[in-house]
Amino acid sequence: IPKYNIKKYIESVHKMKVLEIILPVLVMILLGMACKRLKLLDQNGINNMKLLVTQIMLPVAIFHALATSEYNKETGILVGIMFVMLVVSFSIGFLLRPLMPAERYQKYLPFMVSVYEGGSMAYPLYTSLCGAENLSQIAVLDIAGLLFGFSVYMGILGQVENGEKIDPGKLFSSAIRTPAFIASVLGIIAGLTGVVQKLLAGPFAGTYTSVENILTTSITSVILLVVGFSIEFDKKLLSPCIRTIVLRILLQAVMIGGVLLAIHYIVGDHLLLNLAVISYMSAPATFSMQTFLKSEDGSAYVSTTNSLYCLISILVYVVMAFVVY
């Protein structure tokens, strides 16, 4: 076979592999947008889907991923690195507030440039790229996000929005009742004790795997459908939203570089882990932030910014797919 034919064949296979990864993601997001436009689904239906994902499907996926992971000192180091990065980026957000000309949005800037939407954005994109069997790579990073998000982040957000002093007891109580947080803790315990690994080595392995698969197989498609439905574009908010997005991109680019550098020197090079870091830290701010906002104007600003930032996350995903495949 002529050399140039082999080269063309390899290039065509490369393009097809990338298309196989990217197209399903885009199709599900576009389908979600179409369902909203054509009124095939309403907000109640989407809320029920979110409930299904956040209360059952995602916790099961997180538990399984963490329960079947190997734990060592590197795991603790990764959680520590991510937690420090979250504190730093959140703190810098307060220093960036003067760069927002609209004062009514300044108070939200620290929350918009820090923390990540792991479950509804980073998880499905990373799973599509690296496979569900490697979900633990990004789930470990999200442990710090869950700990920080349901303590410092949401606590200060509530204080900013309500003008009230937050009760640490209530914050802790809320955190420990969150299914994703509970699944993370139980998954880590199961991983450290090896309970699930022993179960998978026994006669009930097939039963466990079948139950886990049927609960999590459609999680990516459901989440992407919800993301597509939730995308909103408000022309009046474009200026402050774009400014926020630019600030988040610049800050997160520096944070990603710092985290990858720290991992390189402390943990070592690991392609799947590097992709997990980039996928996770390229996600928009947590969608759950909107549930804590009382101002319609503030909610619209946050929603529009996150919707637009989803496009950034998808673009980063596409670039990674081309680089990897």
Protein backbone atom coordinates (compact mmCIF):
# COMPACT_ATOMS: atom_id res chain seq x y z
CA ILE A 1 0.00 0.00 0.00
CA PRO A 2 1.45 3.41 -0.93
CA LYS A 3 2.66 5.42 2.04
CA TYR A 4 0.37 8.39 1.35
CA ASN A 5 -2.67 6.08 1.38
CA ILE A 6 -1.77 4.81 4.85
CA LYS A 7 -1.35 8.39 6.06
CA LYS A 8 -4.74 9.39 4.68
CA TYR A 9 -6.34 6.33 6.23
CA ILE A 10 -4.90 7.15 9.67
CA GLU A 11 -6.09 10.76 9.34
CA SER A 12 -9.61 9.62 8.39
CA VAL A 13 -9.73 7.21 11.36
CA HIS A 14 -8.55 10.04 13.64
CA LYS A 15 -11.30 12.36 12.40
CA MET A 16 -13.97 9.68 12.75
CA LYS A 17 -12.90 8.92 16.33
CA VAL A 18 -13.13 12.60 17.29
CA LEU A 19 -16.53 12.84 15.57
CA GLU A 20 -17.78 9.79 17.46
CA ILE A 21 -16.95 11.53 20.75
CA ILE A 22 -18.08 15.07 19.95
CA LEU A 23 -21.27 14.49 17.92
CA PRO A 24 -23.29 12.63 20.59
CA VAL A 25 -22.57 15.40 23.11
CA LEU A 26 -23.62 18.15 20.71
CA VAL A 27 -26.71 16.20 19.61
CA MET A 28 -27.97 15.79 23.18
CA ILE A 29 -27.38 19.47 24.01
CA LEU A 30 -29.11 20.60 20.82
CA LEU A 31 -31.95 18.17 21.55
CA GLY A 32 -32.38 19.77 24.96
CA MET A 33 -32.52 23.22 23.37
CA ALA A 34 -35.05 21.96 20.80
CA CYS A 35 -37.23 20.43 23.53
CA LYS A 36 -37.43 23.82 25.18
CA ARG A 37 -38.11 25.75 21.98
CA LEU A 38 -40.75 23.29 20.76
CA LYS A 39 -42.19 22.96 24.28
CA LEU A 40 -41.77 19.19 24.26
CA LEU A 41 -40.60 19.46 27.86
CA ASP A 42 -41.46 22.01 30.54
CA GLN A 43 -39.49 23.22 33.54
CA ASN A 44 -41.26 20.76 35.84
CA GLY A 45 -40.13 17.86 33.67
CA ILE A 46 -36.55 19.15 33.65
CA ASN A 47 -36.64 19.64 37.42
CA ASN A 48 -37.74 16.01 37.80
CA MET A 49 -34.85 14.92 35.59
CA LYS A 50 -32.45 16.96 37.72
CA LEU A 51 -33.88 15.32 40.81
CA LEU A 52 -33.43 11.86 39.31
CA VAL A 53 -29.83 12.61 38.38
CA THR A 54 -28.75 14.41 41.55
CA GLN A 55 -30.58 12.18 44.01
CA ILE A 56 -29.99 8.75 42.46
CA MET A 57 -27.99 8.35 39.25
CA LEU A 58 -25.03 10.65 39.93
CA PRO A 59 -24.52 9.56 43.57
CA VAL A 60 -24.46 5.92 42.42
CA ALA A 61 -21.90 6.75 39.72
CA ILE A 62 -19.74 8.72 42.17
CA PHE A 63 -19.94 5.97 44.80
CA HIS A 64 -18.96 3.26 42.34
CA ALA A 65 -16.12 5.31 40.88
CA LEU A 66 -14.64 6.13 44.29
CA ALA A 67 -15.34 2.68 45.75
CA THR A 68 -13.37 0.99 42.98
CA SER A 69 -10.47 3.46 43.05
CA GLU A 70 -7.06 2.85 44.54
CA TYR A 71 -6.20 5.15 47.44
CA ASN A 72 -2.82 6.31 48.56
CA LYS A 73 -1.12 9.46 49.74
CA GLU A 74 -1.47 10.92 46.23
CA THR A 75 -5.27 11.03 46.65
CA GLY A 76 -4.95 13.18 49.77
CA ILE A 77 -2.43 15.39 47.99
CA LEU A 78 -4.81 15.92 45.04
CA VAL A 79 -7.69 16.88 47.33
CA GLY A 80 -5.36 19.26 49.19
CA ILE A 81 -4.12 20.89 45.97
CA MET A 82 -7.66 21.43 44.69
CA PHE A 83 -8.90 22.81 48.02
CA VAL A 84 -6.04 25.35 48.18
CA MET A 85 -6.72 26.34 44.56
CA LEU A 86 -10.43 26.89 45.33
CA VAL A 87 -9.63 29.11 48.31
CA VAL A 88 -7.12 31.13 46.25
CA SER A 89 -9.40 31.60 43.21
CA PHE A 90 -12.37 32.52 45.42
CA SER A 91 -10.26 35.08 47.30
CA ILE A 92 -8.97 36.60 44.05
CA GLY A 93 -12.59 36.96 42.95
CA PHE A 94 -13.14 39.57 45.67
CA LEU A 95 -10.12 41.54 44.40
CA LEU A 96 -11.55 41.50 40.86
CA ARG A 97 -14.89 43.05 41.82
CA PRO A 98 -13.87 46.63 40.85
CA LEU A 99 -13.45 45.37 37.26
CA MET A 100 -17.23 44.88 37.05
CA PRO A 101 -18.77 48.26 36.06
CA ALA A 102 -22.28 47.21 37.11
CA GLU A 103 -22.27 47.42 40.90
CA ARG A 104 -25.33 45.19 41.31
CA TYR A 105 -23.33 42.29 39.85
CA GLN A 106 -20.05 42.94 41.67
CA LYS A 107 -21.13 40.99 44.75
CA TYR A 108 -21.61 37.86 42.65
CA LEU A 109 -18.23 37.96 40.87
CA PRO A 110 -16.22 35.92 43.45
CA PHE A 111 -18.81 33.15 43.16
CA MET A 112 -18.84 33.25 39.36
CA VAL A 113 -15.07 32.90 38.92
CA SER A 114 -14.67 30.03 41.39
CA VAL A 115 -16.07 26.52 41.97
CA TYR A 116 -17.18 24.22 39.14
CA GLU A 117 -20.27 22.46 37.84
CA GLY A 118 -18.91 18.94 38.04
CA GLY A 119 -22.04 16.78 37.91
CA SER A 120 -23.94 18.47 35.09
CA MET A 121 -21.05 19.53 32.87
CA ALA A 122 -17.56 18.23 33.65
CA TYR A 123 -18.61 14.64 34.47
CA PRO A 124 -20.49 13.84 31.24
CA LEU A 125 -17.89 15.53 29.01
CA TYR A 126 -15.02 13.71 30.71
CA THR A 127 -16.92 10.42 30.62
CA SER A 128 -17.52 10.82 26.88
CA LEU A 129 -13.82 11.50 26.34
CA CYS A 130 -12.16 9.03 28.72
CA GLY A 131 -14.87 6.49 29.57
CA ALA A 132 -17.04 5.90 32.64
CA GLU A 133 -14.43 3.51 34.05
CA ASN A 134 -12.12 6.50 34.60
CA LEU A 135 -14.72 8.69 36.32
CA SER A 136 -12.81 8.35 39.59
CA GLN A 137 -10.10 10.63 38.19
CA ILE A 138 -12.46 13.59 38.12
CA ALA A 139 -14.54 12.46 41.12
CA VAL A 140 -11.47 12.70 43.36
CA LEU A 141 -10.95 16.31 42.23
CA ASP A 142 -14.60 17.07 42.98
CA ILE A 143 -14.21 15.98 46.61
CA ALA A 144 -12.50 19.30 47.34
CA GLY A 145 -15.19 21.10 45.34
CA LEU A 146 -17.96 19.49 47.40
CA LEU A 147 -16.23 20.22 50.69
CA PHE A 148 -15.50 23.83 49.78
CA GLY A 149 -18.78 24.42 47.94
CA PHE A 150 -21.04 23.33 50.78
CA SER A 151 -19.09 25.14 53.47
CA VAL A 152 -17.23 28.36 52.68
CA TYR A 153 -18.76 29.09 49.25
CA MET A 154 -22.47 28.61 49.98
CA GLY A 155 -22.09 30.09 53.45
CA ILE A 156 -20.70 33.38 52.20
CA LEU A 157 -23.15 33.41 49.28
CA GLY A 158 -26.05 33.16 51.70
CA GLN A 159 -24.58 35.95 53.78
CA VAL A 160 -24.13 38.18 50.72
CA GLU A 161 -27.62 37.51 49.39
CA ASN A 162 -29.54 37.70 52.66
CA GLY A 163 -27.43 40.10 54.64
CA GLU A 164 -27.60 37.65 57.52
CA LYS A 165 -25.05 35.76 59.56
CA ILE A 166 -24.91 32.14 58.44
CA ASP A 167 -25.33 29.42 61.03
CA PRO A 168 -22.36 27.00 60.63
CA GLY A 169 -24.48 24.23 62.10
CA LYS A 170 -27.13 24.60 59.41
CA LEU A 171 -24.47 24.70 56.70
CA PHE A 172 -22.87 21.51 57.99
CA SER A 173 -26.28 19.86 58.29
CA SER A 174 -27.10 20.79 54.69
CA ALA A 175 -23.78 19.46 53.43
CA ILE A 176 -24.02 16.06 55.08
CA ARG A 177 -27.52 15.56 53.65
CA THR A 178 -26.41 16.19 50.05
CA PRO A 179 -26.53 12.84 48.13
CA ALA A 180 -23.37 13.59 46.11
CA PHE A 181 -21.45 14.45 49.29
CA ILE A 182 -22.75 11.34 51.08
CA ALA A 183 -21.87 9.20 48.05
CA SER A 184 -18.36 10.66 48.01
CA VAL A 185 -17.77 9.91 51.69
CA LEU A 186 -19.23 6.39 51.46
CA GLY A 187 -17.34 5.75 48.23
CA ILE A 188 -14.04 6.73 49.83
CA ILE A 189 -14.76 4.53 52.86
CA ALA A 190 -15.68 1.62 50.59
CA GLY A 191 -12.54 2.23 48.53
CA LEU A 192 -10.28 2.33 51.58
CA THR A 193 -11.80 -0.83 53.08
CA GLY A 194 -11.98 -2.66 49.74
CA VAL A 195 -15.59 -3.77 50.33
CA VAL A 196 -16.76 -3.28 46.76
CA GLN A 197 -13.58 -4.76 45.31
CA LYS A 198 -14.18 -7.92 47.36
CA LEU A 199 -17.81 -7.96 46.20
CA LEU A 200 -16.69 -7.72 42.56
CA ALA A 201 -14.33 -10.64 43.12
CA GLY A 202 -17.14 -12.83 44.52
CA PRO A 203 -20.20 -14.63 43.13
CA PHE A 204 -22.39 -11.50 43.29
CA ALA A 205 -20.17 -9.48 40.96
CA GLY A 206 -22.56 -9.86 38.03
CA THR A 207 -25.55 -8.76 40.08
CA TYR A 208 -23.79 -5.68 41.44
CA THR A 209 -22.50 -4.69 37.99
CA SER A 210 -25.94 -5.12 36.39
CA VAL A 211 -27.65 -2.93 38.99
CA GLU A 212 -24.91 -0.27 38.79
CA ASN A 213 -25.04 -0.22 34.99
CA ILE A 214 -28.82 0.16 34.71
CA LEU A 215 -28.74 3.05 37.21
CA THR A 216 -25.92 4.95 35.51
CA THR A 217 -25.89 4.04 31.80
CA SER A 218 -28.10 6.96 30.71
CA ILE A 219 -26.71 9.55 33.13
CA THR A 220 -24.61 11.38 30.52
CA SER A 221 -27.45 11.73 28.02
CA VAL A 222 -29.94 12.92 30.66
CA ILE A 223 -27.52 15.51 32.08
CA LEU A 224 -26.63 16.86 28.62
CA LEU A 225 -30.34 17.10 27.75
CA VAL A 226 -30.91 19.14 30.91
CA VAL A 227 -27.91 21.35 30.14
CA GLY A 228 -29.25 22.03 26.65
CA PHE A 229 -32.69 22.88 28.00
CA SER A 230 -31.19 25.22 30.62
CA ILE A 231 -29.14 27.29 28.18
CA GLU A 232 -30.47 30.86 28.11
CA PHE A 233 -29.38 33.96 26.21
CA ASP A 234 -30.45 37.41 27.38
CA LYS A 235 -29.15 40.24 25.14
CA LYS A 236 -29.49 42.82 27.92
CA LEU A 237 -27.02 40.93 30.07
CA LEU A 238 -24.41 40.22 27.40
CA SER A 239 -21.99 42.96 28.49
CA PRO A 240 -21.64 42.01 32.20
CA CYS A 241 -21.83 38.30 31.37
CA ILE A 242 -19.08 38.45 28.76
CA ARG A 243 -16.90 40.49 31.12
CA THR A 244 -17.44 37.85 33.82
CA ILE A 245 -16.64 35.04 31.39
CA VAL A 246 -13.39 36.71 30.30
CA LEU A 247 -12.33 37.19 33.93
CA ARG A 248 -13.18 33.57 34.74
CA ILE A 249 -11.27 32.28 31.70
CA LEU A 250 -8.16 34.29 32.57
CA LEU A 251 -8.24 33.31 36.25
CA GLN A 252 -8.97 29.65 35.58
CA ALA A 253 -6.26 29.44 32.93
CA VAL A 254 -3.74 30.50 35.58
CA MET A 255 -5.29 28.12 38.14
CA ILE A 256 -5.22 25.19 35.70
CA GLY A 257 -1.56 25.89 34.95
CA GLY A 258 -0.79 26.03 38.67
CA VAL A 259 -2.64 22.80 39.47
CA LEU A 260 -1.05 20.90 36.56
CA LEU A 261 2.37 22.16 37.60
CA ALA A 262 1.80 21.11 41.21
CA ILE A 263 0.58 17.68 40.10
CA HIS A 264 3.59 17.30 37.79
CA TYR A 265 6.10 17.89 40.58
CA ILE A 266 4.24 16.22 43.46
CA VAL A 267 2.27 13.37 41.86
CA GLY A 268 3.82 12.94 38.41
CA ASP A 269 2.53 12.99 34.84
CA HIS A 270 -0.76 11.17 34.21
CA LEU A 271 -2.71 11.84 31.01
CA LEU A 272 -6.13 10.84 32.39
CA LEU A 273 -5.60 12.99 35.49
CA ASN A 274 -4.43 15.95 33.41
CA LEU A 275 -7.52 15.67 31.22
CA ALA A 276 -9.68 15.44 34.35
CA VAL A 277 -8.15 18.66 35.72
CA ILE A 278 -8.70 20.54 32.46
CA SER A 279 -12.25 19.19 32.03
CA TYR A 280 -13.23 19.94 35.62
CA MET A 281 -11.71 23.43 35.78
CA SER A 282 -13.12 24.38 32.37
CA ALA A 283 -16.69 23.87 33.58
CA PRO A 284 -18.91 26.86 34.46
CA ALA A 285 -19.66 27.94 38.02
CA THR A 286 -21.95 25.58 39.92
CA PHE A 287 -25.55 25.62 38.67
CA SER A 288 -26.79 25.12 42.23
CA MET A 289 -25.79 28.72 43.00
CA GLN A 290 -29.05 29.88 41.41
CA THR A 291 -31.10 28.06 44.03
CA PHE A 292 -29.66 30.41 46.68
CA LEU A 293 -30.47 33.64 44.84
CA LYS A 294 -33.57 35.68 45.64
CA SER A 295 -33.00 38.55 43.20
CA GLU A 296 -34.49 37.92 39.73
CA ASP A 297 -31.90 40.23 38.20
CA GLY A 298 -29.06 38.40 39.90
CA SER A 299 -30.51 35.01 38.96
CA ALA A 300 -30.81 36.06 35.30
CA TYR A 301 -27.19 37.28 35.30
CA VAL A 302 -25.90 34.03 36.81
CA SER A 303 -28.04 31.86 34.51
CA THR A 304 -26.99 33.69 31.33
CA THR A 305 -23.31 33.68 32.31
CA ASN A 306 -23.33 29.95 33.06
CA SER A 307 -25.26 29.21 29.86
CA LEU A 308 -22.71 31.06 27.76
CA TYR A 309 -19.83 29.47 29.64
CA CYS A 310 -21.16 26.03 28.71
CA LEU A 311 -20.03 26.86 25.18
CA ILE A 312 -16.49 27.42 26.51
CA SER A 313 -16.59 24.04 28.24
CA ILE A 314 -17.70 22.33 25.03
CA LEU A 315 -14.99 24.12 23.04
CA VAL A 316 -12.32 22.94 25.48
CA TYR A 317 -13.77 19.42 25.23
CA VAL A 318 -13.57 19.52 21.42
CA VAL A 319 -9.93 20.66 21.53
CA MET A 320 -9.03 17.90 24.01
CA ALA A 321 -10.77 15.32 21.81
CA PHE A 322 -8.69 16.39 18.81
CA VAL A 323 -5.46 16.37 20.82
CA VAL A 324 -6.09 12.98 22.44
CA TYR A 325 -7.44 11.22 19.34
